[in-house]
Structures are given as C-alpha cells and as structure tokens.
Amino acid sequence: MDEKLIISIILGVLGLVSGSFAGASLWRLRARQLRQDAEEGEKIAAADTRQVAKLQHKSLANDRSVCLHCGHTLAWYDLIPLMSWIGLRGKCRYCHKSIGWFEPAMELGLAVFFVLSYIFWPSPLISAIDITQFVIWLIAGVGLATLFAYDAKWFLLPNVVTFPLIGLGLVHALITVIEARFDPAIVTTIVFACVVLSGFYYAIYVLSNKQWVGFGDVKLGFALALLLADWQLAIMALFLGNFIGTLIFLPAMVGGKVKRQTHISLGPLLILGWAISGLFGASILHWYMALTLGV
C-alpha cells in the first residue's frame, strides 16, 4: 500500500479521535463556564442548570462522558468516534433520545482537517523541524475546532483554550525564527502578522467601545498570527474570514433574516481564514502574482 495513503488513513483516525475529544471537551468547558457564571451571581437558565448537574465531575480521574439528556455514564463502546453514532442511528443507547449531528460533525471535520493538512502541506515533511511544525499545526487545529464550535454555539472564546493556543503559537514562531537563523526580516514579518490580525480587531474593539467585537477575538487573532508567522498570510486570513462572513450573512441580511444588530461569531470565520491561508496561502499568492505581475 502507498505510504502516503497509509499516513493519510492514520491521520484520519487520529482526527476522528481528536474530534471526539474536542466534542467532549466542549461540553465540559460549557459546564465549567456556567458554574463560574452561577458563582458570580448571574442568572442561569433552567436547562443550563440541569446540564451542569449532569456534567458535575471536576476530577479528570472521575470525569466520564455522559448523555446530555438522561445523564447516563457512557460505556467505551458508546464513544467510538463516528462508528458509535452511526451504529446507534444518532440516538442515546439508554434513553433513545436524539444525540444530534454536532459531535459526529466535529469528529468528521477534524478527520478531514488532518488528512487535508497532510496532503496539501505547503512544504516537504523531511526534517525534524518541518515535522514539528506540522504537529503543532494539527494540535492547534484541535484547539481551534473547540473554539470554532464554542463560539458558534455560545458566542464566547474561552481563555482556557485560547491561552494554550497562544503558547503553541509562540513555540511555532520561535521555531520559525530559529530555522531562519534569527533573520530580522522573519521577526519583522511575525510582528507585523500580529499587528494585522490582533491589532486590527483590537482597534475595532476600542473604537466601538467593545460593541462590535469582543476581546476574545483580539486574543484569537494573536494566536492565529503566531501560528501563521507571516504577514502576507495574516492579511489573507483576515480577508478570507471577512469575505466568507460576507458570503454567508449578506444574503440573510438582504432577506431580512439577519439584522444589523444580530450578534455574529467572528471566531469561526477567522479560523476558516487561518486554515485556508496556512494550507493554500502560498499557492494563492503565487497565482495572484502571476496573474497581476506576470511573475
């Protein structure tokens, strides 16, 4: 069997497992957030209160996945990525209520992300540094998938995920600088990337008096800039995120389904822009230069 096919299959399986982990982490993060909100005196909806009660485990040693409907602890054979959902036809084995498509979508999405990242990785995976950067990309993808889903559902980017991503981005940026033998030009392009993706949203955050974007978007932009480590790719990610958002929401605004005051999650759009730029940005830039300058 072809080596590339074998690696793709292995990465696909790892992506499914990572997606299952990200999906489970999502609900644990939500329960943690709701507990913090309740402790700070915020009013919690009855449905959210019941959810916290079902996800009440605080120790990692005792933290087991449960059905969000009946609270039954799930066995290992209920947690086989994608296969369990298909085998149970999208329903809980114990209460027979619909599980929904969200969890399998995360599993399948990360499996596709892992495989496409390997197939379309813009540089040869030969040296230890190249492989390390690829692994960092995949790990970052798991965290970003969690933020993608959390922000899409609850309009929030939890620090408990964002800060480790910033740390991972700093490691990636440092490796990039070391690989370039501390070339000042590389340091400059990383700094400018941060100014583009994080500084842009920080300016909007300040000028709009926190009304148009949240500070979570500023922190996310910083993490994505470090993970791209290139100002041109940062600009492309910013453009693509806003362009994708326009394609999605402009028709809905014209149709009256979305109002100007409607809260829109920017995180998922930025993450999509990051993924496209990171994998295809160099090819897009080359195509653009050839088209406009004949280079």
Protein backbone atom coordinates (compact mmCIF):
# COMPACT_ATOMS: atom_id res chain seq x y z
CA MET A 1 0.00 0.00 0.00
CA ASP A 2 1.20 3.50 -0.84
CA GLU A 3 2.98 5.23 2.07
CA LYS A 4 1.06 8.47 1.60
CA LEU A 5 -2.25 6.57 1.72
CA ILE A 6 -1.23 4.76 4.93
CA ILE A 7 -0.25 8.03 6.61
CA SER A 8 -3.50 9.63 5.45
CA ILE A 9 -5.53 6.79 6.96
CA ILE A 10 -3.62 7.01 10.25
CA LEU A 11 -4.12 10.78 10.37
CA GLY A 12 -7.81 10.34 9.54
CA VAL A 13 -8.24 8.03 12.52
CA LEU A 14 -6.30 10.42 14.76
CA GLY A 15 -8.52 13.21 13.52
CA LEU A 16 -11.66 11.25 14.43
CA VAL A 17 -10.31 10.59 17.93
CA SER A 18 -9.24 14.22 18.32
CA GLY A 19 -12.68 15.36 17.16
CA SER A 20 -14.30 13.12 19.77
CA PHE A 21 -12.04 14.63 22.43
CA ALA A 22 -12.80 18.17 21.24
CA GLY A 23 -16.54 17.49 21.27
CA ALA A 24 -16.45 16.12 24.81
CA SER A 25 -14.24 19.00 25.97
CA LEU A 26 -16.72 21.46 24.52
CA TRP A 27 -19.50 20.40 26.91
CA ARG A 28 -17.13 20.25 29.88
CA LEU A 29 -15.99 23.78 29.10
CA ARG A 30 -19.62 24.88 28.89
CA ALA A 31 -20.44 23.31 32.25
CA ARG A 32 -17.38 24.99 33.78
CA GLN A 33 -18.42 28.36 32.34
CA LEU A 34 -21.97 28.01 33.65
CA ARG A 35 -20.70 27.10 37.12
CA GLN A 36 -18.49 30.20 37.12
CA ASP A 37 -21.40 32.37 35.94
CA ALA A 38 -23.60 30.98 38.71
CA GLU A 39 -20.90 31.60 41.34
CA GLU A 40 -20.64 35.21 40.13
CA GLY A 41 -24.39 35.68 40.63
CA GLU A 42 -25.51 35.54 37.01
CA LYS A 43 -28.94 34.07 36.28
CA ILE A 44 -28.68 30.63 34.69
CA ALA A 45 -31.47 29.13 32.60
CA ALA A 46 -33.14 26.00 33.98
CA ALA A 47 -31.96 23.90 31.04
CA ASP A 48 -28.37 25.04 31.62
CA THR A 49 -28.66 24.25 35.33
CA ARG A 50 -29.68 20.68 34.51
CA GLN A 51 -26.78 20.41 32.11
CA VAL A 52 -24.31 21.45 34.79
CA ALA A 53 -25.76 18.85 37.14
CA LYS A 54 -25.16 16.11 34.56
CA LEU A 55 -21.60 17.28 33.94
CA GLN A 56 -20.72 17.87 37.57
CA HIS A 57 -17.48 15.85 37.72
CA LYS A 58 -14.48 18.06 38.44
CA SER A 59 -11.72 15.48 38.73
CA LEU A 60 -10.13 14.28 35.50
CA ALA A 61 -9.77 10.83 37.04
CA ASN A 62 -13.53 10.62 37.59
CA ASP A 63 -14.65 12.67 34.61
CA ARG A 64 -16.68 10.38 32.37
CA SER A 65 -18.74 11.23 29.31
CA VAL A 66 -22.49 11.19 29.91
CA CYS A 67 -25.64 11.54 27.84
CA LEU A 68 -26.73 15.18 27.93
CA HIS A 69 -30.39 14.09 28.08
CA CYS A 70 -30.53 11.33 30.71
CA GLY A 71 -27.14 11.80 32.38
CA HIS A 72 -26.24 8.11 31.98
CA THR A 73 -22.49 7.43 32.02
CA LEU A 74 -21.45 6.24 28.58
CA ALA A 75 -19.53 3.00 28.10
CA TRP A 76 -16.44 2.78 25.90
CA TYR A 77 -18.45 1.20 23.08
CA ASP A 78 -20.73 4.27 23.08
CA LEU A 79 -17.74 6.51 22.42
CA ILE A 80 -16.13 5.00 19.31
CA PRO A 81 -15.70 8.05 17.07
CA LEU A 82 -18.35 8.25 14.35
CA MET A 83 -18.97 4.47 14.41
CA SER A 84 -20.98 4.56 17.65
CA TRP A 85 -23.15 7.39 16.35
CA ILE A 86 -23.81 5.55 13.09
CA GLY A 87 -24.46 2.25 14.88
CA LEU A 88 -26.94 3.88 17.26
CA ARG A 89 -28.51 5.91 14.44
CA GLY A 90 -27.78 9.15 16.23
CA LYS A 91 -29.62 8.19 19.44
CA CYS A 92 -28.63 7.51 23.04
CA ARG A 93 -28.44 3.78 23.79
CA TYR A 94 -30.14 4.32 27.15
CA CYS A 95 -32.85 6.98 26.76
CA HIS A 96 -33.14 6.73 22.94
CA LYS A 97 -33.26 10.50 22.51
CA SER A 98 -31.51 12.08 19.55
CA ILE A 99 -27.83 12.84 20.08
CA GLY A 100 -27.79 15.25 17.17
CA TRP A 101 -25.23 15.77 14.44
CA PHE A 102 -22.91 18.17 16.26
CA GLU A 103 -20.49 15.65 17.78
CA PRO A 104 -20.05 13.47 14.68
CA ALA A 105 -19.62 16.64 12.62
CA MET A 106 -16.69 17.68 14.83
CA GLU A 107 -15.16 14.20 14.55
CA LEU A 108 -15.51 14.10 10.78
CA GLY A 109 -14.41 17.71 10.42
CA LEU A 110 -11.14 17.17 12.28
CA ALA A 111 -10.50 13.91 10.39
CA VAL A 112 -10.83 15.83 7.12
CA PHE A 113 -8.66 18.64 8.50
CA PHE A 114 -5.89 16.22 9.49
CA VAL A 115 -5.88 14.46 6.12
CA LEU A 116 -6.09 17.62 4.01
CA SER A 117 -3.35 19.23 6.11
CA TYR A 118 -1.05 16.33 5.27
CA ILE A 119 -1.98 16.22 1.57
CA PHE A 120 -1.70 19.96 0.99
CA TRP A 121 1.05 20.84 3.47
CA PRO A 122 2.99 23.61 1.69
CA SER A 123 6.49 22.30 2.43
CA PRO A 124 8.15 18.85 2.41
CA LEU A 125 7.91 16.96 5.70
CA ILE A 126 11.56 15.91 5.76
CA SER A 127 13.42 17.50 8.65
CA ALA A 128 12.58 17.25 12.33
CA ILE A 129 11.70 20.96 12.34
CA ASP A 130 9.27 20.53 9.42
CA ILE A 131 7.54 17.63 11.16
CA THR A 132 7.40 19.52 14.47
CA GLN A 133 5.72 22.48 12.82
CA PHE A 134 3.21 20.14 11.17
CA VAL A 135 2.42 18.52 14.51
CA ILE A 136 1.95 21.96 16.08
CA TRP A 137 -0.46 22.80 13.25
CA LEU A 138 -2.53 19.67 13.94
CA ILE A 139 -2.61 20.23 17.70
CA ALA A 140 -3.62 23.85 17.13
CA GLY A 141 -6.36 22.58 14.84
CA VAL A 142 -7.90 20.59 17.69
CA GLY A 143 -7.98 23.62 19.97
CA LEU A 144 -9.30 25.84 17.20
CA ALA A 145 -12.04 23.33 16.38
CA THR A 146 -13.16 23.57 20.01
CA LEU A 147 -13.16 27.39 19.84
CA PHE A 148 -14.93 27.26 16.46
CA ALA A 149 -17.79 25.21 17.91
CA TYR A 150 -17.96 27.05 21.25
CA ASP A 151 -18.09 30.49 19.65
CA ALA A 152 -20.64 29.34 17.06
CA LYS A 153 -22.94 27.99 19.79
CA TRP A 154 -22.41 30.41 22.69
CA PHE A 155 -20.63 33.49 21.28
CA LEU A 156 -17.60 33.11 23.53
CA LEU A 157 -13.94 32.17 23.15
CA PRO A 158 -12.81 30.61 26.47
CA ASN A 159 -9.39 31.67 27.75
CA VAL A 160 -8.71 28.12 28.91
CA VAL A 161 -8.37 27.18 25.23
CA THR A 162 -7.16 30.47 23.76
CA PHE A 163 -4.16 30.94 26.07
CA PRO A 164 -2.65 27.49 25.34
CA LEU A 165 -3.08 28.26 21.63
CA ILE A 166 -1.14 31.49 22.11
CA GLY A 167 1.58 29.47 23.84
CA LEU A 168 1.60 26.99 20.99
CA GLY A 169 1.82 29.88 18.54
CA LEU A 170 4.80 31.32 20.41
CA VAL A 171 6.57 27.96 20.15
CA HIS A 172 5.84 27.85 16.41
CA ALA A 173 7.04 31.42 15.91
CA LEU A 174 10.23 30.71 17.87
CA ILE A 175 10.95 27.61 15.78
CA THR A 176 10.41 29.69 12.64
CA VAL A 177 12.88 32.32 13.85
CA ILE A 178 15.46 29.69 14.84
CA GLU A 179 15.08 27.93 11.48
CA ALA A 180 15.74 31.28 9.76
CA ARG A 181 18.83 31.79 11.94
CA PHE A 182 17.25 34.77 13.70
CA ASP A 183 16.86 36.72 10.49
CA PRO A 184 15.44 40.18 11.44
CA ALA A 185 13.16 40.04 8.40
CA ILE A 186 11.43 36.93 9.81
CA VAL A 187 10.99 38.57 13.21
CA THR A 188 9.53 41.61 11.46
CA THR A 189 7.04 39.57 9.43
CA ILE A 190 5.84 37.76 12.58
CA VAL A 191 5.40 41.04 14.47
CA PHE A 192 3.53 42.58 11.55
CA ALA A 193 1.32 39.48 11.30
CA CYS A 194 0.31 40.05 14.92
CA VAL A 195 -0.39 43.71 14.20
CA VAL A 196 -2.59 42.74 11.25
CA LEU A 197 -4.70 40.01 12.85
CA SER A 198 -4.72 41.05 16.50
CA GLY A 199 -4.12 44.77 16.23
CA PHE A 200 -6.88 45.23 13.68
CA TYR A 201 -9.51 43.71 15.95
CA TYR A 202 -8.10 45.49 18.98
CA ALA A 203 -8.56 48.83 17.20
CA ILE A 204 -12.18 47.91 16.40
CA TYR A 205 -12.67 46.73 19.99
CA VAL A 206 -11.51 50.09 21.34
CA LEU A 207 -13.14 52.35 18.74
CA SER A 208 -16.52 50.61 19.02
CA ASN A 209 -16.39 50.66 22.84
CA LYS A 210 -16.47 46.83 22.92
CA GLN A 211 -19.68 46.72 20.86
CA TRP A 212 -18.56 45.27 17.51
CA VAL A 213 -16.03 42.65 18.58
CA GLY A 214 -15.06 41.02 21.85
CA PHE A 215 -11.58 40.88 23.36
CA GLY A 216 -11.64 37.14 22.73
CA ASP A 217 -11.36 37.90 19.01
CA VAL A 218 -8.27 40.02 19.72
CA LYS A 219 -6.61 37.13 21.59
CA LEU A 220 -7.64 34.63 18.93
CA GLY A 221 -6.15 36.87 16.23
CA PHE A 222 -2.88 36.95 18.17
CA ALA A 223 -2.77 33.15 18.36
CA LEU A 224 -3.57 32.75 14.65
CA ALA A 225 -0.92 35.32 13.66
CA LEU A 226 1.75 33.44 15.60
CA LEU A 227 0.67 30.15 14.06
CA LEU A 228 0.92 31.64 10.55
CA ALA A 229 4.12 33.61 11.29
CA ASP A 230 3.82 35.53 8.02
CA TRP A 231 2.27 38.95 7.47
CA GLN A 232 1.04 38.13 3.96
CA LEU A 233 -0.76 35.02 5.19
CA ALA A 234 -2.16 37.04 8.10
CA ILE A 235 -3.65 39.59 5.70
CA MET A 236 -5.07 36.77 3.62
CA ALA A 237 -6.61 35.11 6.70
CA LEU A 238 -8.19 38.43 7.70
CA PHE A 239 -9.54 38.99 4.20
CA LEU A 240 -10.85 35.44 3.81
CA GLY A 241 -12.52 35.45 7.23
CA ASN A 242 -14.43 38.63 6.38
CA PHE A 243 -15.12 37.51 2.82
CA ILE A 244 -16.59 34.19 3.98
CA GLY A 245 -18.67 36.06 6.53
CA THR A 246 -20.00 38.34 3.79
CA LEU A 247 -20.94 35.39 1.59
CA ILE A 248 -22.77 33.75 4.49
CA PHE A 249 -24.54 36.67 6.12
CA LEU A 250 -25.13 39.24 3.35
CA PRO A 251 -27.88 37.19 1.62
CA ALA A 252 -29.52 36.64 5.02
CA MET A 253 -29.36 40.40 5.72
CA VAL A 254 -30.87 41.20 2.34
CA GLY A 255 -33.63 38.68 3.04
CA GLY A 256 -34.30 40.22 6.44
CA LYS A 257 -33.35 37.07 8.35
CA VAL A 258 -30.34 38.76 9.94
CA LYS A 259 -30.48 42.30 11.33
CA ARG A 260 -27.62 44.75 11.70
CA GLN A 261 -27.81 44.28 15.47
CA THR A 262 -27.59 40.49 15.21
CA HIS A 263 -24.66 39.02 17.15
CA ILE A 264 -22.32 37.26 14.71
CA SER A 265 -19.49 34.98 15.80
CA LEU A 266 -16.22 36.15 14.24
CA GLY A 267 -14.12 33.33 15.67
CA PRO A 268 -15.25 30.59 13.25
CA LEU A 269 -14.73 32.93 10.29
CA LEU A 270 -11.19 33.81 11.39
CA ILE A 271 -10.38 30.15 11.96
CA LEU A 272 -11.57 29.24 8.47
CA GLY A 273 -9.44 32.04 7.05
CA TRP A 274 -6.45 30.74 9.03
CA ALA A 275 -6.84 27.17 7.77
CA ILE A 276 -7.17 28.21 4.12
CA SER A 277 -4.27 30.65 4.34
CA GLY A 278 -2.00 28.20 6.13
CA LEU A 279 -2.53 25.40 3.63
CA PHE A 280 -3.13 27.23 0.36
CA GLY A 281 -1.87 30.76 1.02
CA ALA A 282 1.50 30.35 -0.72
CA SER A 283 -0.17 28.90 -3.83
CA ILE A 284 -2.80 31.65 -3.85
CA LEU A 285 -0.11 34.34 -3.55
CA HIS A 286 1.90 32.76 -6.37
CA TRP A 287 -1.21 32.61 -8.56
CA TYR A 288 -2.06 36.24 -7.76
CA MET A 289 1.46 37.46 -8.54
CA ALA A 290 1.47 35.54 -11.82
CA LEU A 291 -1.93 36.93 -12.76
CA THR A 292 -1.20 40.56 -11.94
CA LEU A 293 2.55 40.91 -12.49
CA GLY A 294 3.33 38.03 -14.78
CA VAL A 295 5.87 36.71 -12.25
